[in-house]
C-alpha atoms as a PDB file:
ATOM      1  CA  MET A   1       0.000   0.000   0.000  1.00  0.00           C
ATOM      2  CA  LYS A   2       1.283   3.465  -0.933  1.00  0.00           C
ATOM      3  CA  VAL A   3       0.452   6.715   0.892  1.00  0.00           C
ATOM      4  CA  LEU A   4      -0.175   9.934  -1.046  1.00  0.00           C
ATOM      5  CA  ASN A   5      -0.644  13.351   0.520  1.00  0.00           C
ATOM      6  CA  PHE A   6      -2.173  15.696  -2.054  1.00  0.00           C
ATOM      7  CA  GLY A   7      -1.848  19.062  -0.386  1.00  0.00           C
ATOM      8  CA  SER A   8      -0.471  22.543   0.099  1.00  0.00           C
ATOM      9  CA  LEU A   9       3.100  23.742   0.528  1.00  0.00           C
ATOM     10  CA  ASN A  10       3.530  27.222   2.030  1.00  0.00           C
ATOM     11  CA  TYR A  11       5.993  29.666   3.439  1.00  0.00           C
ATOM     12  CA  ASP A  12       4.857  30.803   6.899  1.00  0.00           C
ATOM     13  CA  TYR A  13       5.718  34.378   7.928  1.00  0.00           C
ATOM     14  CA  VAL A  14       5.318  34.295  11.695  1.00  0.00           C
ATOM     15  CA  TYR A  15       5.040  37.471  13.790  1.00  0.00           C
ATOM     16  CA  SER A  16       5.328  37.309  17.594  1.00  0.00           C
ATOM     17  CA  LEU A  17       2.981  39.745  19.338  1.00  0.00           C
ATOM     18  CA  ASP A  18       1.665  40.509  22.796  1.00  0.00           C
ATOM     19  CA  HIS A  19      -1.874  39.833  21.567  1.00  0.00           C
ATOM     20  CA  ILE A  20      -3.747  39.152  18.341  1.00  0.00           C
ATOM     21  CA  LEU A  21      -4.674  42.393  16.580  1.00  0.00           C
ATOM     22  CA  VAL A  22      -8.226  43.706  16.576  1.00  0.00           C
ATOM     23  CA  PRO A  23      -9.684  45.761  13.688  1.00  0.00           C
ATOM     24  CA  GLY A  24      -8.004  49.153  13.324  1.00  0.00           C
ATOM     25  CA  GLU A  25      -5.157  48.329  15.715  1.00  0.00           C
ATOM     26  CA  THR A  26      -1.439  48.708  14.988  1.00  0.00           C
ATOM     27  CA  ILE A  27       1.203  47.214  17.281  1.00  0.00           C
ATOM     28  CA  ALA A  28       4.861  46.321  16.908  1.00  0.00           C
ATOM     29  CA  SER A  29       6.015  42.731  16.449  1.00  0.00           C
ATOM     30  CA  SER A  30       8.776  41.563  18.779  1.00  0.00           C
ATOM     31  CA  LYS A  31      10.016  38.998  16.252  1.00  0.00           C
ATOM     32  CA  MET A  32       9.464  37.827  12.672  1.00  0.00           C
ATOM     33  CA  GLU A  33      10.504  34.389  11.415  1.00  0.00           C
ATOM     34  CA  VAL A  34      10.001  32.439   8.197  1.00  0.00           C
ATOM     35  CA  PHE A  35       9.213  28.716   8.273  1.00  0.00           C
ATOM     36  CA  CYS A  36       8.167  26.066   5.788  1.00  0.00           C
ATOM     37  CA  GLY A  37       4.551  25.036   6.308  1.00  0.00           C
ATOM     38  CA  GLY A  38       1.157  24.492   4.740  1.00  0.00           C
ATOM     39  CA  LYS A  39      -1.245  21.877   6.043  1.00  0.00           C
ATOM     40  CA  GLY A  40      -0.203  19.465   3.314  1.00  0.00           C
ATOM     41  CA  LEU A  41       3.529  19.792   3.881  1.00  0.00           C
ATOM     42  CA  ASN A  42       3.105  19.710   7.671  1.00  0.00           C
ATOM     43  CA  GLN A  43       1.087  16.498   7.533  1.00  0.00           C
ATOM     44  CA  SER A  44       3.498  14.844   5.087  1.00  0.00           C
ATOM     45  CA  ILE A  45       6.426  15.596   7.369  1.00  0.00           C
ATOM     46  CA  ALA A  46       4.478  14.425  10.427  1.00  0.00           C
ATOM     47  CA  LEU A  47       3.744  11.163   8.602  1.00  0.00           C
ATOM     48  CA  ALA A  48       7.387  10.781   7.613  1.00  0.00           C
ATOM     49  CA  ARG A  49       8.719  11.579  11.083  1.00  0.00           C
ATOM     50  CA  ALA A  50       6.235   9.051  12.488  1.00  0.00           C
ATOM     51  CA  GLY A  51       7.765   6.382  10.264  1.00  0.00           C
ATOM     52  CA  VAL A  52       5.549   6.305   7.155  1.00  0.00           C
ATOM     53  CA  SER A  53       6.816   6.411   3.568  1.00  0.00           C
ATOM     54  CA  VAL A  54       4.769   9.164   1.919  1.00  0.00           C
ATOM     55  CA  PHE A  55       4.517  10.698  -1.554  1.00  0.00           C
ATOM     56  CA  HIS A  56       3.584  14.369  -1.689  1.00  0.00           C
ATOM     57  CA  ALA A  57       1.714  15.916  -4.622  1.00  0.00           C
ATOM     58  CA  GLY A  58       1.064  19.615  -5.050  1.00  0.00           C
ATOM     59  CA  MET A  59       2.507  22.709  -6.665  1.00  0.00           C
ATOM     60  CA  VAL A  60       5.163  25.232  -5.703  1.00  0.00           C
ATOM     61  CA  GLY A  61       6.113  28.465  -7.433  1.00  0.00           C
ATOM     62  CA  GLU A  62       9.460  29.519  -8.812  1.00  0.00           C
ATOM     63  CA  ASP A  63      10.476  30.360  -5.240  1.00  0.00           C
ATOM     64  CA  GLY A  64       9.709  26.832  -4.015  1.00  0.00           C
ATOM     65  CA  GLU A  65      13.164  25.275  -3.811  1.00  0.00           C
ATOM     66  CA  THR A  66      13.303  25.565  -0.020  1.00  0.00           C
ATOM     67  CA  LEU A  67       9.924  23.808   0.281  1.00  0.00           C
ATOM     68  CA  LEU A  68      11.130  20.958  -1.942  1.00  0.00           C
ATOM     69  CA  ASN A  69      14.355  20.643   0.020  1.00  0.00           C
ATOM     70  CA  MET A  70      12.474  20.558   3.317  1.00  0.00           C
ATOM     71  CA  CYS A  71      10.407  17.634   2.054  1.00  0.00           C
ATOM     72  CA  LYS A  72      13.480  15.780   0.797  1.00  0.00           C
ATOM     73  CA  GLN A  73      15.403  16.344   4.029  1.00  0.00           C
ATOM     74  CA  ASN A  74      12.555  14.713   5.943  1.00  0.00           C
ATOM     75  CA  GLY A  75      12.180  11.692   3.692  1.00  0.00           C
ATOM     76  CA  VAL A  76       9.059  12.841   1.828  1.00  0.00           C
ATOM     77  CA  ASN A  77       9.006  11.756  -1.836  1.00  0.00           C
ATOM     78  CA  THR A  78       8.786  14.876  -4.050  1.00  0.00           C
ATOM     79  CA  GLU A  79       8.716  13.260  -7.510  1.00  0.00           C
ATOM     80  CA  LEU A  80       5.072  14.266  -8.039  1.00  0.00           C
ATOM     81  CA  ILE A  81       5.407  17.916  -6.944  1.00  0.00           C
ATOM     82  CA  LYS A  82       5.251  20.346  -9.880  1.00  0.00           C
ATOM     83  CA  VAL A  83       6.965  23.735 -10.154  1.00  0.00           C
ATOM     84  CA  VAL A  84       4.793  26.401 -11.850  1.00  0.00           C
ATOM     85  CA  PRO A  85       5.337  30.086 -12.718  1.00  0.00           C
ATOM     86  CA  GLY A  86       4.633  32.625  -9.976  1.00  0.00           C
ATOM     87  CA  LYS A  87       4.712  32.565  -6.203  1.00  0.00           C
ATOM     88  CA  SER A  88       4.271  29.669  -3.810  1.00  0.00           C
ATOM     89  CA  GLY A  89       1.500  29.841  -1.254  1.00  0.00           C
ATOM     90  CA  HIS A  90       2.209  31.663   1.984  1.00  0.00           C
ATOM     91  CA  THR A  91       0.659  32.636   5.282  1.00  0.00           C
ATOM     92  CA  ILE A  92       0.871  35.617   7.592  1.00  0.00           C
ATOM     93  CA  ILE A  93       0.667  34.225  11.141  1.00  0.00           C
ATOM     94  CA  GLN A  94       0.230  36.203  14.365  1.00  0.00           C
ATOM     95  CA  VAL A  95       1.319  34.347  17.519  1.00  0.00           C
ATOM     96  CA  ASP A  96       0.467  35.898  20.885  1.00  0.00           C
ATOM     97  CA  LYS A  97       2.262  35.569  24.232  1.00  0.00           C
ATOM     98  CA  ASP A  98       0.115  32.545  25.145  1.00  0.00           C
ATOM     99  CA  GLY A  99       0.940  30.680  21.928  1.00  0.00           C
ATOM    100  CA  GLN A 100      -2.440  31.239  20.266  1.00  0.00           C
ATOM    101  CA  ASN A 101      -2.442  32.205  16.624  1.00  0.00           C
ATOM    102  CA  CYS A 102      -4.465  33.597  13.758  1.00  0.00           C
ATOM    103  CA  ILE A 103      -3.575  32.871  10.146  1.00  0.00           C
ATOM    104  CA  LEU A 104      -4.050  34.732   6.850  1.00  0.00           C
ATOM    105  CA  LEU A 105      -3.628  32.364   3.911  1.00  0.00           C
ATOM    106  CA  TYR A 106      -2.582  33.224   0.336  1.00  0.00           C
ATOM    107  CA  GLY A 107      -3.069  30.261  -1.999  1.00  0.00           C
ATOM    108  CA  GLY A 108      -0.497  31.076  -4.693  1.00  0.00           C
ATOM    109  CA  SER A 109       0.652  27.957  -6.557  1.00  0.00           C
ATOM    110  CA  ASN A 110      -1.541  25.783  -4.316  1.00  0.00           C
ATOM    111  CA  ARG A 111      -4.535  27.091  -6.292  1.00  0.00           C
ATOM    112  CA  CYS A 112      -3.054  26.214  -9.712  1.00  0.00           C
ATOM    113  CA  LEU A 113      -3.940  22.515  -9.834  1.00  0.00           C
ATOM    114  CA  THR A 114      -5.554  21.206 -13.029  1.00  0.00           C
ATOM    115  CA  LYS A 115      -7.608  18.096 -13.680  1.00  0.00           C
ATOM    116  CA  GLU A 116      -4.874  16.886 -16.032  1.00  0.00           C
ATOM    117  CA  TYR A 117      -2.308  17.164 -13.259  1.00  0.00           C
ATOM    118  CA  VAL A 118      -4.587  15.341 -10.811  1.00  0.00           C
ATOM    119  CA  ASP A 119      -5.088  12.525 -13.316  1.00  0.00           C
ATOM    120  CA  GLU A 120      -1.334  12.226 -13.850  1.00  0.00           C
ATOM    121  CA  VAL A 121      -0.645  12.039 -10.113  1.00  0.00           C
ATOM    122  CA  LEU A 122      -3.363   9.475  -9.426  1.00  0.00           C
ATOM    123  CA  SER A 123      -2.192   7.276 -12.309  1.00  0.00           C
ATOM    124  CA  HIS A 124       0.653   6.201  -9.996  1.00  0.00           C
ATOM    125  CA  PHE A 125      -1.755   4.828  -7.371  1.00  0.00           C
ATOM    126  CA  GLU A 126      -4.286   2.019  -7.208  1.00  0.00           C
ATOM    127  CA  LYS A 127      -7.004   0.296  -5.206  1.00  0.00           C
ATOM    128  CA  GLY A 128      -6.165   0.096  -1.500  1.00  0.00           C
ATOM    129  CA  ASP A 129      -3.668   2.966  -1.493  1.00  0.00           C
ATOM    130  CA  LEU A 130      -4.341   5.795   0.962  1.00  0.00           C
ATOM    131  CA  ILE A 131      -4.746   9.482   0.080  1.00  0.00           C
ATOM    132  CA  VAL A 132      -4.588  12.308   2.644  1.00  0.00           C
ATOM    133  CA  LEU A 133      -6.344  15.576   1.799  1.00  0.00           C
ATOM    134  CA  GLN A 134      -6.916  19.039   3.268  1.00  0.00           C
ATOM    135  CA  ASN A 135      -8.652  22.111   1.849  1.00  0.00           C
ATOM    136  CA  GLU A 136      -5.770  24.470   1.015  1.00  0.00           C
ATOM    137  CA  ILE A 137      -5.680  23.372  -2.654  1.00  0.00           C
ATOM    138  CA  ASN A 138      -8.156  23.699  -5.517  1.00  0.00           C
ATOM    139  CA  CYS A 139      -9.730  20.746  -7.386  1.00  0.00           C
ATOM    140  CA  LEU A 140     -10.491  19.030  -4.070  1.00  0.00           C
ATOM    141  CA  ASP A 141     -13.868  17.750  -5.279  1.00  0.00           C
ATOM    142  CA  TYR A 142     -12.275  16.293  -8.423  1.00  0.00           C
ATOM    143  CA  ILE A 143      -9.483  14.639  -6.434  1.00  0.00           C
ATOM    144  CA  ILE A 144     -11.999  13.013  -4.075  1.00  0.00           C
ATOM    145  CA  ASP A 145     -14.116  11.728  -6.971  1.00  0.00           C
ATOM    146  CA  LYS A 146     -11.153  10.297  -8.883  1.00  0.00           C
ATOM    147  CA  ALA A 147      -9.533   8.745  -5.795  1.00  0.00           C
ATOM    148  CA  TYR A 148     -12.880   7.136  -4.940  1.00  0.00           C
ATOM    149  CA  GLU A 149     -13.168   5.737  -8.463  1.00  0.00           C
ATOM    150  CA  LYS A 150      -9.771   4.111  -7.964  1.00  0.00           C
ATOM    151  CA  GLU A 151     -10.996   2.671  -4.643  1.00  0.00           C
ATOM    152  CA  MET A 152      -8.348   4.473  -2.620  1.00  0.00           C
ATOM    153  CA  THR A 153      -8.885   5.049   1.103  1.00  0.00           C
ATOM    154  CA  ILE A 154      -9.639   8.771   1.483  1.00  0.00           C
ATOM    155  CA  VAL A 155      -8.585  10.668   4.624  1.00  0.00           C
ATOM    156  CA  LEU A 156      -9.824  14.254   4.897  1.00  0.00           C
ATOM    157  CA  ASN A 157      -8.932  17.083   7.242  1.00  0.00           C
ATOM    158  CA  PRO A 158     -11.685  19.562   6.181  1.00  0.00           C
ATOM    159  CA  SER A 159      -9.666  22.663   6.981  1.00  0.00           C
ATOM    160  CA  PRO A 160     -10.022  25.486   6.281  1.00  0.00           C
ATOM    161  CA  PHE A 161     -13.776  25.056   5.929  1.00  0.00           C
ATOM    162  CA  ASP A 162     -15.253  27.081   3.054  1.00  0.00           C
ATOM    163  CA  ASP A 163     -17.734  26.855   0.185  1.00  0.00           C
ATOM    164  CA  ALA A 164     -15.377  24.642  -1.843  1.00  0.00           C
ATOM    165  CA  LEU A 165     -16.041  21.816   0.601  1.00  0.00           C
ATOM    166  CA  LYS A 166     -19.759  22.073  -0.085  1.00  0.00           C
ATOM    167  CA  SER A 167     -19.144  20.894  -3.654  1.00  0.00           C
ATOM    168  CA  CYS A 168     -17.309  17.773  -2.420  1.00  0.00           C
ATOM    169  CA  ASP A 169     -19.067  14.434  -2.014  1.00  0.00           C
ATOM    170  CA  LEU A 170     -17.996  13.809   1.576  1.00  0.00           C
ATOM    171  CA  SER A 171     -19.776  10.454   1.634  1.00  0.00           C
ATOM    172  CA  LYS A 172     -16.728   9.142  -0.228  1.00  0.00           C
ATOM    173  CA  VAL A 173     -14.408   9.949   2.696  1.00  0.00           C
ATOM    174  CA  SER A 174     -13.255   7.003   4.844  1.00  0.00           C
ATOM    175  CA  ILE A 175     -11.654   8.919   7.730  1.00  0.00           C
ATOM    176  CA  PHE A 176     -12.382  12.461   8.931  1.00  0.00           C
ATOM    177  CA  LEU A 177      -9.974  14.312  11.219  1.00  0.00           C
ATOM    178  CA  LEU A 178     -11.447  17.630  12.311  1.00  0.00           C
ATOM    179  CA  ASN A 179     -11.706  20.025  15.225  1.00  0.00           C
ATOM    180  CA  GLU A 180     -14.763  21.422  17.030  1.00  0.00           C
ATOM    181  CA  ILE A 181     -15.038  24.466  14.765  1.00  0.00           C
ATOM    182  CA  GLU A 182     -14.961  22.402  11.577  1.00  0.00           C
ATOM    183  CA  GLY A 183     -17.368  19.946  13.175  1.00  0.00           C
ATOM    184  CA  GLU A 184     -19.824  22.773  13.843  1.00  0.00           C
ATOM    185  CA  GLN A 185     -19.400  24.122  10.308  1.00  0.00           C
ATOM    186  CA  ILE A 186     -20.233  20.728   8.788  1.00  0.00           C
ATOM    187  CA  THR A 187     -23.049  19.725  11.147  1.00  0.00           C
ATOM    188  CA  GLY A 188     -24.451  22.964  12.562  1.00  0.00           C
ATOM    189  CA  GLY A 189     -24.041  21.617  16.094  1.00  0.00           C
ATOM    190  CA  LYS A 190     -21.885  23.043  18.891  1.00  0.00           C
ATOM    191  CA  ASP A 191     -21.949  20.277  21.480  1.00  0.00           C
ATOM    192  CA  PRO A 192     -19.288  17.612  20.732  1.00  0.00           C
ATOM    193  CA  GLU A 193     -21.735  14.762  21.271  1.00  0.00           C
ATOM    194  CA  GLU A 194     -24.200  16.382  18.888  1.00  0.00           C
ATOM    195  CA  ILE A 195     -21.425  16.860  16.319  1.00  0.00           C
ATOM    196  CA  LEU A 196     -20.419  13.201  16.597  1.00  0.00           C
ATOM    197  CA  ARG A 197     -24.018  11.980  16.311  1.00  0.00           C
ATOM    198  CA  THR A 198     -24.683  14.114  13.253  1.00  0.00           C
ATOM    199  CA  LEU A 199     -21.448  13.078  11.557  1.00  0.00           C
ATOM    200  CA  GLN A 200     -22.272   9.429  12.193  1.00  0.00           C
ATOM    201  CA  ASP A 201     -25.745   9.932  10.741  1.00  0.00           C
ATOM    202  CA  LYS A 202     -24.399  11.766   7.686  1.00  0.00           C
ATOM    203  CA  PHE A 203     -21.449   9.449   7.064  1.00  0.00           C
ATOM    204  CA  PRO A 204     -22.294   6.102   8.703  1.00  0.00           C
ATOM    205  CA  LYS A 205     -19.372   4.217   7.148  1.00  0.00           C
ATOM    206  CA  ALA A 206     -16.727   6.797   8.075  1.00  0.00           C
ATOM    207  CA  LYS A 207     -14.293   6.808  10.964  1.00  0.00           C
ATOM    208  CA  ILE A 208     -14.348  10.140  12.813  1.00  0.00           C
ATOM    209  CA  VAL A 209     -11.612  11.761  14.897  1.00  0.00           C
ATOM    210  CA  LEU A 210     -12.817  14.961  16.593  1.00  0.00           C
ATOM    211  CA  THR A 211     -10.237  17.077  18.431  1.00  0.00           C
ATOM    212  CA  LEU A 212     -11.565  19.168  21.310  1.00  0.00           C
ATOM    213  CA  GLY A 213      -8.711  21.478  22.300  1.00  0.00           C
ATOM    214  CA  SER A 214      -8.039  21.266  26.029  1.00  0.00           C
ATOM    215  CA  ASN A 215     -10.670  18.506  26.293  1.00  0.00           C
ATOM    216  CA  GLY A 216      -8.624  16.090  24.212  1.00  0.00           C
ATOM    217  CA  SER A 217      -9.991  14.051  21.324  1.00  0.00           C
ATOM    218  CA  VAL A 218     -12.636  11.449  20.465  1.00  0.00           C
ATOM    219  CA  TYR A 219     -12.552   8.604  17.949  1.00  0.00           C
ATOM    220  CA  GLN A 220     -15.841   7.169  16.740  1.00  0.00           C
ATOM    221  CA  ASP A 221     -16.892   4.554  14.193  1.00  0.00           C
ATOM    222  CA  GLN A 222     -19.917   2.285  13.747  1.00  0.00           C
ATOM    223  CA  ASP A 223     -18.815  -0.013  16.538  1.00  0.00           C
ATOM    224  CA  CYS A 224     -16.947   1.936  19.196  1.00  0.00           C
ATOM    225  CA  GLN A 225     -15.882   5.224  20.719  1.00  0.00           C
ATOM    226  CA  TYR A 226     -12.577   6.091  22.420  1.00  0.00           C
ATOM    227  CA  ARG A 227     -11.481   9.245  24.240  1.00  0.00           C
ATOM    228  CA  GLN A 228      -8.042  10.690  24.848  1.00  0.00           C
ATOM    229  CA  GLY A 229      -7.028  13.581  27.102  1.00  0.00           C
ATOM    230  CA  ILE A 230      -4.279  16.087  26.427  1.00  0.00           C
ATOM    231  CA  PHE A 231      -0.697  16.172  27.680  1.00  0.00           C
ATOM    232  CA  LYS A 232      -0.346  19.503  29.467  1.00  0.00           C
ATOM    233  CA  VAL A 233       2.601  21.648  28.338  1.00  0.00           C
ATOM    234  CA  LYS A 234       3.454  25.335  28.122  1.00  0.00           C
ATOM    235  CA  ALA A 235       2.090  26.448  24.736  1.00  0.00           C
ATOM    236  CA  VAL A 236       4.556  28.426  22.639  1.00  0.00           C
ATOM    237  CA  ASP A 237       3.013  28.175  19.154  1.00  0.00           C
ATOM    238  CA  THR A 238      -0.037  26.094  18.180  1.00  0.00           C
ATOM    239  CA  THR A 239       0.460  26.482  14.415  1.00  0.00           C
ATOM    240  CA  ALA A 240       1.108  22.843  13.410  1.00  0.00           C
ATOM    241  CA  ALA A 241      -0.474  21.076  16.372  1.00  0.00           C
ATOM    242  CA  GLY A 242      -3.482  19.771  14.438  1.00  0.00           C
ATOM    243  CA  ASP A 243      -1.352  18.670  11.486  1.00  0.00           C
ATOM    244  CA  THR A 244       1.014  16.839  13.825  1.00  0.00           C
ATOM    245  CA  PHE A 245      -1.945  15.078  15.447  1.00  0.00           C
ATOM    246  CA  THR A 246      -3.309  14.117  12.015  1.00  0.00           C
ATOM    247  CA  GLY A 247       0.013  12.765  10.741  1.00  0.00           C
ATOM    248  CA  TYR A 248       0.721  10.734  13.859  1.00  0.00           C
ATOM    249  CA  PHE A 249      -2.779   9.301  14.094  1.00  0.00           C
ATOM    250  CA  ILE A 250      -2.775   8.178  10.456  1.00  0.00           C
ATOM    251  CA  ALA A 251       0.748   6.761  10.791  1.00  0.00           C
ATOM    252  CA  SER A 252      -0.240   4.804  13.896  1.00  0.00           C
ATOM    253  CA  ILE A 253      -3.290   3.321  12.166  1.00  0.00           C
ATOM    254  CA  LEU A 254      -1.172   2.366   9.149  1.00  0.00           C
ATOM    255  CA  GLN A 255       1.261   0.695  11.545  1.00  0.00           C
ATOM    256  CA  GLU A 256      -1.724  -1.299  12.878  1.00  0.00           C
ATOM    257  CA  LYS A 257      -1.625   0.188  16.364  1.00  0.00           C
ATOM    258  CA  PRO A 258      -4.901  -0.030  18.325  1.00  0.00           C
ATOM    259  CA  VAL A 259      -6.987   3.139  18.134  1.00  0.00           C
ATOM    260  CA  PRO A 260      -6.465   4.099  21.823  1.00  0.00           C
ATOM    261  CA  GLU A 261      -2.688   3.867  21.332  1.00  0.00           C
ATOM    262  CA  ALA A 262      -2.923   5.875  18.090  1.00  0.00           C
ATOM    263  CA  LEU A 263      -4.866   8.634  19.882  1.00  0.00           C
ATOM    264  CA  LYS A 264      -2.346   8.700  22.724  1.00  0.00           C
ATOM    265  CA  LEU A 265       0.666   8.955  20.398  1.00  0.00           C
ATOM    266  CA  ALA A 266      -1.031  11.676  18.348  1.00  0.00           C
ATOM    267  CA  ALA A 267      -1.916  13.646  21.493  1.00  0.00           C
ATOM    268  CA  LYS A 268       1.633  13.375  22.800  1.00  0.00           C
ATOM    269  CA  ALA A 269       3.174  14.409  19.480  1.00  0.00           C
ATOM    270  CA  SER A 270       0.793  17.357  19.270  1.00  0.00           C
ATOM    271  CA  ALA A 271       1.710  18.472  22.795  1.00  0.00           C
ATOM    272  CA  ILE A 272       5.395  18.449  21.895  1.00  0.00           C
ATOM    273  CA  ALA A 273       4.626  20.486  18.770  1.00  0.00           C
ATOM    274  CA  VAL A 274       2.821  23.280  20.662  1.00  0.00           C
ATOM    275  CA  SER A 275       5.788  23.626  22.998  1.00  0.00           C
ATOM    276  CA  ARG A 276       8.007  24.689  20.069  1.00  0.00           C
ATOM    277  CA  GLU A 277       8.050  27.539  17.576  1.00  0.00           C
ATOM    278  CA  GLY A 278       7.148  27.221  13.914  1.00  0.00           C
ATOM    279  CA  ALA A 279       5.290  24.643  11.864  1.00  0.00           C
ATOM    280  CA  VAL A 280       7.699  22.052  10.444  1.00  0.00           C
ATOM    281  CA  PRO A 281      10.414  22.689  13.094  1.00  0.00           C
ATOM    282  CA  SER A 282       7.911  21.894  15.854  1.00  0.00           C
ATOM    283  CA  ILE A 283       6.947  18.427  14.570  1.00  0.00           C
ATOM    284  CA  PRO A 284       8.694  15.746  16.658  1.00  0.00           C
ATOM    285  CA  THR A 285      10.272  12.522  15.462  1.00  0.00           C
ATOM    286  CA  LEU A 286       8.865   9.190  16.596  1.00  0.00           C
ATOM    287  CA  ASP A 287      11.863   8.672  18.871  1.00  0.00           C
ATOM    288  CA  GLU A 288      11.163  11.990  20.570  1.00  0.00           C
ATOM    289  CA  VAL A 289       7.541  11.068  21.104  1.00  0.00           C
ATOM    290  CA  MET A 290       8.371   7.635  22.485  1.00  0.00           C
ATOM    291  CA  THR A 291      11.028   8.899  24.893  1.00  0.00           C
ATOM    292  CA  CYS A 292       9.444  12.214  25.994  1.00  0.00           C
ATOM    293  CA  SER A 293       8.347  12.131  29.636  1.00  0.00           C
ATOM    294  CA  ILE A 294       5.417  14.567  29.444  1.00  0.00           C
END
């Protein structure tokens, strides 16, 4: 079985501030740093650092060499990534003194996918292979349809949630990994139990992983439900926490770990990530997760 992550690759411009700006406010940043990121790249590197061989597909601009090198340095296969004219995607990220963030996303090359390119990428995969998706690229509905036709296992992190997701046939998704906000956006419910019930009603064959911030996470399928608490750490930057959780959970399932163990490893990896600055630099290796005493 091969693993494909079809997703975004971004440069993250991270500004450290006392607090997140409100409309009309101007304050000085105490620090500005540039990191490699993007939900797609973050999740590919989390998968790789958790011990999974992963192919990444997506597009970078003419300035994308650093993004490609970051993938290669972390063992992510880049043969399917295409370089196109123009700028790569990027984000402007505010991080406050408590480690909370807000993110402005510019799609750039991530929004340049074509159906022809999707078809070329998917021609390298077959029934039973696994595809990981997020919503920072265009053509998401087409990718889901074509991956489903090939009988691939489809994993979706429906983030960021927008109108593009409404055109996707989400009944074709095998595994959802989402947070409370995305859960509310899909179901209309605010209570976690209501969100889980509605998701199960809408997508009865799907496996659901709902992250609940300080209240941990919940896994649910047709047969069972498991809960996992958080590992408490001092939050420095939460930017890649969800992507780290996603990568480690998927990797653990692929490695045939029981779901409770997969949730625990993902929670621990995510806790390590929030205790560090940046997106990719914050993602721990499997050895770090296994030996960390938090």
